[in-house]
Structures are given as C-alpha cells and as structure tokens.
Amino acid sequence: MNIGEASTQSGVTAKMIRYYEQIGLIPRAERTPAGYRDYADADVHMLRFIARARDLGFSIAGITELLDLWRNKDRRSADVKALAQARAEDLRQKIAHLQDMAGTLEELARTCAGNERPDCPILQELAVQTAPAQGNRKYRNKDSTSIQERIRS
C-alpha cells in the first residue's frame, strides 16, 4: 500500500511516517518500481503501536525502547512495566507542575482589581521574576520567595 493508505489505516500522517523513517524509528519502506513507498500490513501495525505510544506521551526515545522490547520475544515484562511506571510518574509530576502554575495564576488574578486603571499587580509581579527556576517551584524571584508567598505577605 502507498503512504496515503498507510497513513489512513494507521492514523499517522504521511509527514510523520516520512519523519519516523528519516530518524530510523521505523525501517525505510520498500519501494515500487516507480519509486513509491510500499507499506505492508506489518508496517501499519507498527505505526499504530507508535501512535498509541505517542498518545500516552512517550518520547521518541521511549518509543524506541518500547519497539525494541516489543520486537524482542526474550524480553522481560518487568522492563516494559518499568517504562510504563516511569512515564506515569513523569505525567504525575507534570500534572503537579501545571496545578502549581494554575494556582499561582489564580492567586495573581485575585490580587488584580481588573478595572480601568493601568496599575496591575500581575504585571508588577511578573516583572520581578528574574532568577532561573529552582526546585519544584518554577516561579521565584532572586531571593527564592515564591510569587504566592510574596502575595500573601
């Protein structure tokens, strides 16, 4: 089947299929005498596997590991489980970070009158944030005081 059919059947765009070939995530497709890519059902199956792993947030490196384990019939399920657990923990950390960001923004919004005056405590607070992120709290000033802590004081 051509790349368009493989794309339709796998749910992976033709552009991404070409990219996955380019980076070596999937083997280069066979070519027809006319030079067109020719995909087999096994290729579509692998593309679906990749699409599902991407949907679960795995990186290209993580998908490479998963594909290696999938192809290896002597694999240990413990290795697959460890990858899944690590990805779940990454997601939990991202969720916590996003919740922290939302809380900070909500706290900043509470400090703003939201009227016609030009002074805005949100912009003032953002302007003092010059230090790089430290620890789990991404929004700190030079003296490591979080925005939420500064607003409360």
C-alpha atoms as a PDB file:
ATOM      1  CA  MET A   1       0.000   0.000   0.000  1.00  0.00           C
ATOM      2  CA  ASN A   2       1.180   3.561  -0.596  1.00  0.00           C
ATOM      3  CA  ILE A   3       1.957   6.106   2.111  1.00  0.00           C
ATOM      4  CA  GLY A   4      -1.514   7.662   1.920  1.00  0.00           C
ATOM      5  CA  GLU A   5      -3.192   4.316   2.572  1.00  0.00           C
ATOM      6  CA  ALA A   6      -0.729   3.506   5.352  1.00  0.00           C
ATOM      7  CA  SER A   7      -1.457   6.900   6.869  1.00  0.00           C
ATOM      8  CA  THR A   8      -5.213   6.384   6.736  1.00  0.00           C
ATOM      9  CA  GLN A   9      -5.029   2.880   8.197  1.00  0.00           C
ATOM     10  CA  SER A  10      -2.576   3.765  10.957  1.00  0.00           C
ATOM     11  CA  GLY A  11      -3.786   7.238  11.909  1.00  0.00           C
ATOM     12  CA  VAL A  12      -0.252   8.609  11.458  1.00  0.00           C
ATOM     13  CA  THR A  13       0.187  11.431   8.966  1.00  0.00           C
ATOM     14  CA  ALA A  14       2.283  10.829   5.872  1.00  0.00           C
ATOM     15  CA  LYS A  15       4.622  13.584   7.029  1.00  0.00           C
ATOM     16  CA  MET A  16       5.207  11.797  10.362  1.00  0.00           C
ATOM     17  CA  ILE A  17       5.718   8.472   8.606  1.00  0.00           C
ATOM     18  CA  ARG A  18       8.451  10.045   6.492  1.00  0.00           C
ATOM     19  CA  TYR A  19       9.953  11.612   9.622  1.00  0.00           C
ATOM     20  CA  TYR A  20       9.924   8.298  11.506  1.00  0.00           C
ATOM     21  CA  GLU A  21      11.750   6.730   8.569  1.00  0.00           C
ATOM     22  CA  GLN A  22      14.248   9.588   8.445  1.00  0.00           C
ATOM     23  CA  ILE A  23      15.179   9.267  12.128  1.00  0.00           C
ATOM     24  CA  GLY A  24      15.275   5.469  11.976  1.00  0.00           C
ATOM     25  CA  LEU A  25      12.309   4.848  14.271  1.00  0.00           C
ATOM     26  CA  ILE A  26      10.814   2.648  11.566  1.00  0.00           C
ATOM     27  CA  PRO A  27      12.668   0.898   8.769  1.00  0.00           C
ATOM     28  CA  ARG A  28      12.659   2.510   5.354  1.00  0.00           C
ATOM     29  CA  ALA A  29       9.711   1.325   3.311  1.00  0.00           C
ATOM     30  CA  GLU A  30      10.163  -0.921   0.336  1.00  0.00           C
ATOM     31  CA  ARG A  31       9.870   0.903  -2.979  1.00  0.00           C
ATOM     32  CA  THR A  32       7.782   0.090  -6.017  1.00  0.00           C
ATOM     33  CA  PRO A  33       9.469   0.018  -9.439  1.00  0.00           C
ATOM     34  CA  ALA A  34       8.169   3.564  -9.890  1.00  0.00           C
ATOM     35  CA  GLY A  35       9.933   4.641  -6.673  1.00  0.00           C
ATOM     36  CA  TYR A  36       6.865   4.998  -4.428  1.00  0.00           C
ATOM     37  CA  ARG A  37       6.945   3.780  -0.862  1.00  0.00           C
ATOM     38  CA  ASP A  38       5.201   0.440  -0.419  1.00  0.00           C
ATOM     39  CA  TYR A  39       3.996  -0.486   3.062  1.00  0.00           C
ATOM     40  CA  ALA A  40       2.924  -3.877   4.343  1.00  0.00           C
ATOM     41  CA  ASP A  41       0.295  -4.643   6.969  1.00  0.00           C
ATOM     42  CA  ALA A  42       3.111  -5.193   9.489  1.00  0.00           C
ATOM     43  CA  ASP A  43       4.297  -1.620   8.868  1.00  0.00           C
ATOM     44  CA  VAL A  44       0.811  -0.278   9.560  1.00  0.00           C
ATOM     45  CA  HIS A  45       0.661  -2.358  12.743  1.00  0.00           C
ATOM     46  CA  MET A  46       3.965  -0.829  13.890  1.00  0.00           C
ATOM     47  CA  LEU A  47       2.709   2.672  13.045  1.00  0.00           C
ATOM     48  CA  ARG A  48      -0.403   2.064  15.143  1.00  0.00           C
ATOM     49  CA  PHE A  49       1.827   0.918  18.002  1.00  0.00           C
ATOM     50  CA  ILE A  50       3.844   4.128  17.680  1.00  0.00           C
ATOM     51  CA  ALA A  51       0.690   6.258  17.506  1.00  0.00           C
ATOM     52  CA  ARG A  52      -0.664   4.667  20.681  1.00  0.00           C
ATOM     53  CA  ALA A  53       2.647   5.198  22.477  1.00  0.00           C
ATOM     54  CA  ARG A  54       2.654   8.852  21.353  1.00  0.00           C
ATOM     55  CA  ASP A  55      -0.920   9.221  22.622  1.00  0.00           C
ATOM     56  CA  LEU A  56       0.367   8.082  26.015  1.00  0.00           C
ATOM     57  CA  GLY A  57       3.046  10.751  25.886  1.00  0.00           C
ATOM     58  CA  PHE A  58       6.112   8.640  25.243  1.00  0.00           C
ATOM     59  CA  SER A  59       9.048  10.454  23.682  1.00  0.00           C
ATOM     60  CA  ILE A  60      10.757   9.177  20.549  1.00  0.00           C
ATOM     61  CA  ALA A  61      13.472   7.682  22.767  1.00  0.00           C
ATOM     62  CA  GLY A  62      10.825   5.974  24.896  1.00  0.00           C
ATOM     63  CA  ILE A  63       9.080   4.645  21.806  1.00  0.00           C
ATOM     64  CA  THR A  64      12.400   3.310  20.524  1.00  0.00           C
ATOM     65  CA  GLU A  65      12.800   1.409  23.788  1.00  0.00           C
ATOM     66  CA  LEU A  66       9.238   0.118  23.600  1.00  0.00           C
ATOM     67  CA  LEU A  67       9.691  -1.001  19.993  1.00  0.00           C
ATOM     68  CA  ASP A  68      12.910  -2.808  20.909  1.00  0.00           C
ATOM     69  CA  LEU A  69      11.115  -4.598  23.728  1.00  0.00           C
ATOM     70  CA  TRP A  70       8.101  -5.347  21.517  1.00  0.00           C
ATOM     71  CA  ARG A  71      10.318  -6.963  18.892  1.00  0.00           C
ATOM     72  CA  ASN A  72      12.350  -8.910  21.462  1.00  0.00           C
ATOM     73  CA  LYS A  73      10.490 -12.112  22.294  1.00  0.00           C
ATOM     74  CA  ASP A  74      13.008 -12.787  25.108  1.00  0.00           C
ATOM     75  CA  ARG A  75      12.120  -9.514  26.824  1.00  0.00           C
ATOM     76  CA  ARG A  76      11.253  -9.264  30.466  1.00  0.00           C
ATOM     77  CA  SER A  77       7.839  -7.831  31.180  1.00  0.00           C
ATOM     78  CA  ALA A  78       9.442  -6.111  34.172  1.00  0.00           C
ATOM     79  CA  ASP A  79      11.366  -3.902  31.729  1.00  0.00           C
ATOM     80  CA  VAL A  80       8.169  -2.888  29.957  1.00  0.00           C
ATOM     81  CA  LYS A  81       6.437  -2.269  33.270  1.00  0.00           C
ATOM     82  CA  ALA A  82       9.310  -0.078  34.452  1.00  0.00           C
ATOM     83  CA  LEU A  83       8.991   2.106  31.334  1.00  0.00           C
ATOM     84  CA  ALA A  84       5.244   2.470  31.839  1.00  0.00           C
ATOM     85  CA  GLN A  85       5.660   3.311  35.523  1.00  0.00           C
ATOM     86  CA  ALA A  86       8.357   5.883  34.771  1.00  0.00           C
ATOM     87  CA  ARG A  87       6.127   7.525  32.171  1.00  0.00           C
ATOM     88  CA  ALA A  88       3.204   7.588  34.623  1.00  0.00           C
ATOM     89  CA  GLU A  89       5.435   9.264  37.233  1.00  0.00           C
ATOM     90  CA  ASP A  90       6.567  11.848  34.654  1.00  0.00           C
ATOM     91  CA  LEU A  91       2.919  12.612  33.932  1.00  0.00           C
ATOM     92  CA  ARG A  92       2.120  12.952  37.641  1.00  0.00           C
ATOM     93  CA  GLN A  93       4.984  15.430  38.020  1.00  0.00           C
ATOM     94  CA  LYS A  94       3.773  17.431  35.015  1.00  0.00           C
ATOM     95  CA  ILE A  95       0.254  17.478  36.422  1.00  0.00           C
ATOM     96  CA  ALA A  96       1.557  18.755  39.771  1.00  0.00           C
ATOM     97  CA  HIS A  97       3.584  21.422  37.980  1.00  0.00           C
ATOM     98  CA  LEU A  98       0.578  22.514  35.923  1.00  0.00           C
ATOM     99  CA  GLN A  99      -1.589  22.647  39.061  1.00  0.00           C
ATOM    100  CA  ASP A 100       1.065  24.779  40.740  1.00  0.00           C
ATOM    101  CA  MET A 101       1.145  27.119  37.741  1.00  0.00           C
ATOM    102  CA  ALA A 102      -2.655  27.389  37.741  1.00  0.00           C
ATOM    103  CA  GLY A 103      -2.669  28.136  41.464  1.00  0.00           C
ATOM    104  CA  THR A 104      -0.069  30.850  41.024  1.00  0.00           C
ATOM    105  CA  LEU A 105      -2.038  32.440  38.192  1.00  0.00           C
ATOM    106  CA  GLU A 106      -5.266  32.277  40.192  1.00  0.00           C
ATOM    107  CA  GLU A 107      -3.528  33.918  43.156  1.00  0.00           C
ATOM    108  CA  LEU A 108      -2.138  36.638  40.904  1.00  0.00           C
ATOM    109  CA  ALA A 109      -5.568  37.207  39.366  1.00  0.00           C
ATOM    110  CA  ARG A 110      -7.092  37.610  42.851  1.00  0.00           C
ATOM    111  CA  THR A 111      -4.666  40.475  43.536  1.00  0.00           C
ATOM    112  CA  CYS A 112      -5.727  42.403  40.448  1.00  0.00           C
ATOM    113  CA  ALA A 113      -8.710  44.759  40.618  1.00  0.00           C
ATOM    114  CA  GLY A 114      -9.353  44.245  36.931  1.00  0.00           C
ATOM    115  CA  ASN A 115     -10.547  47.800  36.474  1.00  0.00           C
ATOM    116  CA  GLU A 116      -9.736  50.646  34.078  1.00  0.00           C
ATOM    117  CA  ARG A 117      -6.622  51.753  35.975  1.00  0.00           C
ATOM    118  CA  PRO A 118      -3.243  50.955  34.397  1.00  0.00           C
ATOM    119  CA  ASP A 119      -1.541  49.610  37.519  1.00  0.00           C
ATOM    120  CA  CYS A 120      -1.575  45.841  37.560  1.00  0.00           C
ATOM    121  CA  PRO A 121      -0.095  43.718  40.337  1.00  0.00           C
ATOM    122  CA  ILE A 122       0.123  40.752  37.934  1.00  0.00           C
ATOM    123  CA  LEU A 123       2.467  42.607  35.603  1.00  0.00           C
ATOM    124  CA  GLN A 124       4.397  44.035  38.543  1.00  0.00           C
ATOM    125  CA  GLU A 125       4.916  40.572  39.997  1.00  0.00           C
ATOM    126  CA  LEU A 126       5.956  39.080  36.663  1.00  0.00           C
ATOM    127  CA  ALA A 127       8.463  41.876  36.182  1.00  0.00           C
ATOM    128  CA  VAL A 128      10.390  40.973  39.352  1.00  0.00           C
ATOM    129  CA  GLN A 129      10.845  37.341  38.368  1.00  0.00           C
ATOM    130  CA  THR A 130      14.433  37.289  37.125  1.00  0.00           C
ATOM    131  CA  ALA A 131      16.058  34.214  38.672  1.00  0.00           C
ATOM    132  CA  PRO A 132      16.049  30.846  36.923  1.00  0.00           C
ATOM    133  CA  ALA A 133      13.687  28.161  38.180  1.00  0.00           C
ATOM    134  CA  GLN A 134      14.662  26.460  41.425  1.00  0.00           C
ATOM    135  CA  GLY A 135      13.394  23.112  42.674  1.00  0.00           C
ATOM    136  CA  ASN A 136       9.785  22.232  42.035  1.00  0.00           C
ATOM    137  CA  ARG A 137       8.680  25.873  42.276  1.00  0.00           C
ATOM    138  CA  LYS A 138       9.247  27.405  38.858  1.00  0.00           C
ATOM    139  CA  TYR A 139       8.107  30.888  39.744  1.00  0.00           C
ATOM    140  CA  ARG A 140      10.537  32.500  42.171  1.00  0.00           C
ATOM    141  CA  ASN A 141      12.369  35.763  42.446  1.00  0.00           C
ATOM    142  CA  LYS A 142      16.030  36.369  43.272  1.00  0.00           C
ATOM    143  CA  ASP A 143      15.621  35.628  46.948  1.00  0.00           C
ATOM    144  CA  SER A 144      13.762  32.344  46.260  1.00  0.00           C
ATOM    145  CA  THR A 145      10.438  33.617  47.535  1.00  0.00           C
ATOM    146  CA  SER A 146       7.567  32.216  45.526  1.00  0.00           C
ATOM    147  CA  ILE A 147       5.028  34.543  43.973  1.00  0.00           C
ATOM    148  CA  GLN A 148       2.333  33.034  46.176  1.00  0.00           C
ATOM    149  CA  GLU A 149       4.434  33.662  49.295  1.00  0.00           C
ATOM    150  CA  ARG A 150       5.110  37.276  48.249  1.00  0.00           C
ATOM    151  CA  ILE A 151       1.455  37.961  47.518  1.00  0.00           C
ATOM    152  CA  ARG A 152       0.397  36.643  50.916  1.00  0.00           C
ATOM    153  CA  SER A 153       2.907  38.858  52.734  1.00  0.00           C
END
